[in-house]
C-alpha atoms as a PDB file:
ATOM      1  CA  MET A   1       2.885  20.655 -69.876  1.00  0.00           C
ATOM      2  CA  GLU A   2       3.509  23.461 -67.696  1.00  0.00           C
ATOM      3  CA  GLN A   3       2.381  21.215 -64.722  1.00  0.00           C
ATOM      4  CA  GLU A   4       4.967  18.609 -65.591  1.00  0.00           C
ATOM      5  CA  THR A   5       7.634  21.432 -65.919  1.00  0.00           C
ATOM      6  CA  GLN A   6       6.749  22.802 -62.432  1.00  0.00           C
ATOM      7  CA  GLU A   7       6.633  19.188 -60.919  1.00  0.00           C
ATOM      8  CA  LEU A   8      10.275  18.483 -62.033  1.00  0.00           C
ATOM      9  CA  ARG A   9      11.620  21.809 -61.019  1.00  0.00           C
ATOM     10  CA  ARG A  10      10.023  21.359 -57.561  1.00  0.00           C
ATOM     11  CA  VAL A  11      11.926  18.272 -56.848  1.00  0.00           C
ATOM     12  CA  GLY A  12      15.150  19.747 -58.132  1.00  0.00           C
ATOM     13  CA  LEU A  13      15.439  17.909 -61.683  1.00  0.00           C
ATOM     14  CA  LYS A  14      16.423  19.570 -64.843  1.00  0.00           C
ATOM     15  CA  VAL A  15      13.554  19.872 -67.254  1.00  0.00           C
ATOM     16  CA  THR A  16      14.696  17.598 -70.258  1.00  0.00           C
ATOM     17  CA  HIS A  17      12.604  16.239 -73.150  1.00  0.00           C
ATOM     18  CA  PRO A  18      12.923  12.592 -71.974  1.00  0.00           C
ATOM     19  CA  ARG A  19      11.714  13.378 -68.496  1.00  0.00           C
ATOM     20  CA  MET A  20       8.809  15.445 -69.743  1.00  0.00           C
ATOM     21  CA  ARG A  21       7.667  12.814 -72.235  1.00  0.00           C
ATOM     22  CA  ILE A  22       7.881  10.028 -69.574  1.00  0.00           C
ATOM     23  CA  LEU A  23       6.066  12.262 -67.078  1.00  0.00           C
ATOM     24  CA  GLN A  24       3.408  13.011 -69.685  1.00  0.00           C
ATOM     25  CA  ILE A  25       2.911   9.289 -70.253  1.00  0.00           C
ATOM     26  CA  PHE A  26       2.233   8.714 -66.480  1.00  0.00           C
ATOM     27  CA  ASP A  27      -0.158  11.612 -66.503  1.00  0.00           C
ATOM     28  CA  GLU A  28      -2.036  10.071 -69.489  1.00  0.00           C
ATOM     29  CA  GLU A  29      -2.057   6.590 -67.885  1.00  0.00           C
ATOM     30  CA  GLU A  30      -3.141   7.931 -64.348  1.00  0.00           C
ATOM     31  CA  GLY A  31      -4.180   4.932 -62.352  1.00  0.00           C
ATOM     32  CA  ASN A  32      -2.222   2.412 -64.364  1.00  0.00           C
ATOM     33  CA  HIS A  33       0.893   0.756 -63.358  1.00  0.00           C
ATOM     34  CA  LEU A  34       3.564   0.621 -65.992  1.00  0.00           C
ATOM     35  CA  THR A  35       6.715  -1.220 -66.393  1.00  0.00           C
ATOM     36  CA  ALA A  36       9.931   0.487 -67.837  1.00  0.00           C
ATOM     37  CA  GLU A  37       9.059  -1.502 -71.108  1.00  0.00           C
ATOM     38  CA  ASP A  38       5.529  -0.098 -71.125  1.00  0.00           C
ATOM     39  CA  VAL A  39       6.883   3.287 -71.026  1.00  0.00           C
ATOM     40  CA  TYR A  40       9.406   2.554 -73.766  1.00  0.00           C
ATOM     41  CA  LYS A  41       6.544   1.090 -76.005  1.00  0.00           C
ATOM     42  CA  LYS A  42       4.639   4.143 -75.763  1.00  0.00           C
ATOM     43  CA  LEU A  43       7.611   6.449 -76.606  1.00  0.00           C
ATOM     44  CA  LEU A  44       8.286   4.303 -79.583  1.00  0.00           C
ATOM     45  CA  ALA A  45       4.449   4.512 -80.635  1.00  0.00           C
ATOM     46  CA  HIS A  46       4.882   8.286 -80.635  1.00  0.00           C
ATOM     47  CA  GLN A  47       8.177   8.066 -82.650  1.00  0.00           C
ATOM     48  CA  GLU A  48      10.179   9.387 -79.702  1.00  0.00           C
ATOM     49  CA  ASP A  49      14.010   8.737 -79.817  1.00  0.00           C
ATOM     50  CA  ILE A  50      14.300   7.851 -76.023  1.00  0.00           C
ATOM     51  CA  GLY A  51      16.333   4.657 -75.319  1.00  0.00           C
ATOM     52  CA  LEU A  52      15.093   1.881 -72.804  1.00  0.00           C
ATOM     53  CA  ALA A  53      18.352   2.779 -70.748  1.00  0.00           C
ATOM     54  CA  THR A  54      17.146   6.302 -70.440  1.00  0.00           C
ATOM     55  CA  VAL A  55      13.591   5.169 -69.306  1.00  0.00           C
ATOM     56  CA  TYR A  56      15.089   3.247 -66.595  1.00  0.00           C
ATOM     57  CA  ARG A  57      17.492   6.127 -65.647  1.00  0.00           C
ATOM     58  CA  VAL A  58      14.549   8.569 -65.511  1.00  0.00           C
ATOM     59  CA  LEU A  59      12.288   6.189 -63.615  1.00  0.00           C
ATOM     60  CA  THR A  60      14.948   5.709 -61.046  1.00  0.00           C
ATOM     61  CA  GLN A  61      15.372   9.486 -60.625  1.00  0.00           C
ATOM     62  CA  PHE A  62      11.609   9.991 -60.361  1.00  0.00           C
ATOM     63  CA  GLU A  63      11.439   7.350 -57.777  1.00  0.00           C
ATOM     64  CA  ALA A  64      14.164   9.008 -55.757  1.00  0.00           C
ATOM     65  CA  ALA A  65      12.469  12.431 -56.124  1.00  0.00           C
ATOM     66  CA  GLY A  66       9.141  11.080 -54.966  1.00  0.00           C
ATOM     67  CA  ILE A  67       7.442  11.489 -58.418  1.00  0.00           C
ATOM     68  CA  VAL A  68       6.625   7.721 -58.898  1.00  0.00           C
ATOM     69  CA  ILE A  69       6.279   4.784 -56.504  1.00  0.00           C
ATOM     70  CA  LYS A  70       8.028   1.749 -57.581  1.00  0.00           C
ATOM     71  CA  HIS A  71       6.255  -1.622 -56.834  1.00  0.00           C
ATOM     72  CA  ASN A  72       7.983  -5.041 -57.008  1.00  0.00           C
ATOM     73  CA  PHE A  73       5.076  -7.433 -56.900  1.00  0.00           C
ATOM     74  CA  GLU A  74       5.731 -11.117 -56.526  1.00  0.00           C
ATOM     75  CA  GLY A  75       6.189 -13.110 -59.713  1.00  0.00           C
ATOM     76  CA  GLY A  76       6.362  -9.846 -62.046  1.00  0.00           C
ATOM     77  CA  GLN A  77       8.371  -7.094 -63.218  1.00  0.00           C
ATOM     78  CA  ALA A  78       8.738  -3.865 -61.211  1.00  0.00           C
ATOM     79  CA  VAL A  79       5.895  -1.441 -62.009  1.00  0.00           C
ATOM     80  CA  TYR A  80       5.550   2.170 -61.529  1.00  0.00           C
ATOM     81  CA  GLU A  81       2.830   4.465 -60.638  1.00  0.00           C
ATOM     82  CA  LEU A  82       2.675   8.287 -60.036  1.00  0.00           C
ATOM     83  CA  ASP A  83       2.811   9.359 -56.403  1.00  0.00           C
ATOM     84  CA  ARG A  84      -0.164  11.398 -55.909  1.00  0.00           C
ATOM     85  CA  GLY A  85       0.011  11.131 -52.104  1.00  0.00           C
ATOM     86  CA  ARG A  86      -3.225   9.236 -51.817  1.00  0.00           C
ATOM     87  CA  HIS A  87      -2.840   5.786 -49.882  1.00  0.00           C
ATOM     88  CA  HIS A  88      -4.134   2.771 -51.415  1.00  0.00           C
ATOM     89  CA  ASP A  89      -3.714  -0.854 -51.629  1.00  0.00           C
ATOM     90  CA  HIS A  90      -3.371  -3.341 -54.405  1.00  0.00           C
ATOM     91  CA  MET A  91      -4.982  -6.565 -55.708  1.00  0.00           C
ATOM     92  CA  ILE A  92      -2.922  -8.570 -58.246  1.00  0.00           C
ATOM     93  CA  ASP A  93      -4.746 -10.851 -60.696  1.00  0.00           C
ATOM     94  CA  VAL A  94      -2.539 -13.981 -60.450  1.00  0.00           C
ATOM     95  CA  ASP A  95      -3.329 -15.242 -63.987  1.00  0.00           C
ATOM     96  CA  SER A  96      -3.128 -11.712 -65.919  1.00  0.00           C
ATOM     97  CA  GLY A  97      -0.860  -9.780 -63.865  1.00  0.00           C
ATOM     98  CA  LYS A  98      -3.510  -6.926 -63.806  1.00  0.00           C
ATOM     99  CA  VAL A  99      -2.981  -4.509 -60.937  1.00  0.00           C
ATOM    100  CA  ILE A 100      -6.230  -3.257 -59.167  1.00  0.00           C
ATOM    101  CA  GLU A 101      -6.108  -0.481 -56.827  1.00  0.00           C
ATOM    102  CA  PHE A 102      -8.524  -0.160 -54.004  1.00  0.00           C
ATOM    103  CA  VAL A 103      -9.267   1.849 -50.718  1.00  0.00           C
ATOM    104  CA  SER A 104     -10.908   0.222 -47.671  1.00  0.00           C
ATOM    105  CA  GLU A 105     -11.348   2.366 -44.391  1.00  0.00           C
ATOM    106  CA  GLU A 106     -12.348  -0.837 -42.784  1.00  0.00           C
ATOM    107  CA  ILE A 107      -9.131  -2.538 -43.552  1.00  0.00           C
ATOM    108  CA  GLU A 108      -7.126   0.606 -42.554  1.00  0.00           C
ATOM    109  CA  ARG A 109      -9.056   0.648 -39.210  1.00  0.00           C
ATOM    110  CA  LEU A 110      -8.372  -2.973 -38.542  1.00  0.00           C
ATOM    111  CA  GLN A 111      -4.887  -2.756 -39.157  1.00  0.00           C
ATOM    112  CA  HIS A 112      -4.295   0.269 -36.636  1.00  0.00           C
ATOM    113  CA  GLU A 113      -6.452  -1.683 -34.177  1.00  0.00           C
ATOM    114  CA  ILE A 114      -4.248  -4.806 -34.436  1.00  0.00           C
ATOM    115  CA  ALA A 115      -0.954  -2.855 -34.226  1.00  0.00           C
ATOM    116  CA  ALA A 116      -2.409  -1.156 -31.129  1.00  0.00           C
ATOM    117  CA  ARG A 117      -3.441  -4.382 -29.605  1.00  0.00           C
ATOM    118  CA  HIS A 118       0.140  -5.498 -29.774  1.00  0.00           C
ATOM    119  CA  GLY A 119       1.565  -2.254 -28.445  1.00  0.00           C
ATOM    120  CA  TYR A 120       2.544  -0.614 -31.709  1.00  0.00           C
ATOM    121  CA  VAL A 121       1.858   2.301 -33.995  1.00  0.00           C
ATOM    122  CA  ILE A 122       1.956   1.887 -37.726  1.00  0.00           C
ATOM    123  CA  GLU A 123       4.557   3.932 -39.267  1.00  0.00           C
ATOM    124  CA  ASP A 124       3.890   2.679 -42.899  1.00  0.00           C
ATOM    125  CA  HIS A 125       2.517  -0.366 -44.744  1.00  0.00           C
ATOM    126  CA  SER A 126       1.898  -2.089 -47.972  1.00  0.00           C
ATOM    127  CA  LEU A 127      -1.017  -4.421 -48.636  1.00  0.00           C
ATOM    128  CA  VAL A 128      -0.997  -6.671 -51.637  1.00  0.00           C
ATOM    129  CA  LEU A 129      -3.749  -9.113 -52.300  1.00  0.00           C
ATOM    130  CA  TYR A 130      -2.995 -11.844 -54.883  1.00  0.00           C
ATOM    131  CA  VAL A 131      -6.364 -12.757 -56.339  1.00  0.00           C
ATOM    132  CA  ARG A 132      -8.210 -14.726 -59.008  1.00  0.00           C
ATOM    133  CA  PRO A 133     -11.775 -13.973 -60.405  1.00  0.00           C
ATOM    134  CA  LYS A 134     -14.286 -16.276 -58.726  1.00  0.00           C
ATOM    135  CA  HIS A 135     -15.605 -17.508 -62.077  1.00  0.00           C
ATOM    136  CA  ARG A 136     -12.236 -18.299 -63.676  1.00  0.00           C
ATOM    137  CA  PRO A 137     -10.777 -21.920 -62.734  1.00  0.00           C
ATOM    138  CA  ARG A 138      -7.233 -22.140 -61.291  1.00  0.00           C
ATOM    139  CA  LYS A 139      -4.532 -22.855 -64.078  1.00  0.00           C
ATOM    140  CA  SER A 140      -2.876 -26.244 -63.866  1.00  0.00           C
END
């Protein structure tokens, strides 16, 4: 709990119960990508009296403060994850919507080589692969 308090203060946010609880949920779910509705359902499961509008407001504040990263993957709701400063890319299972994080030094190297070949330097990037398991047939 002390870590969450320090993190909120570090980014200039007042320590409130809703902010603390939402940050704790993300800490407990580290590595998972959560929608605002996912966060709200977890709060309800713990009998927390924090409304969905508050969840959205806190997530917007966390995004502006650099605590969470918001992703708008194609065909789905916005999902959020803690920003721990480690670069990674994503795969999205097109059938289930599951988000898979991965790191590939080879892909990173190739991206920089391609940019350099065209006379550019990468400032930032986002790579999202939309995938389907090999063994599962395409939905009709």
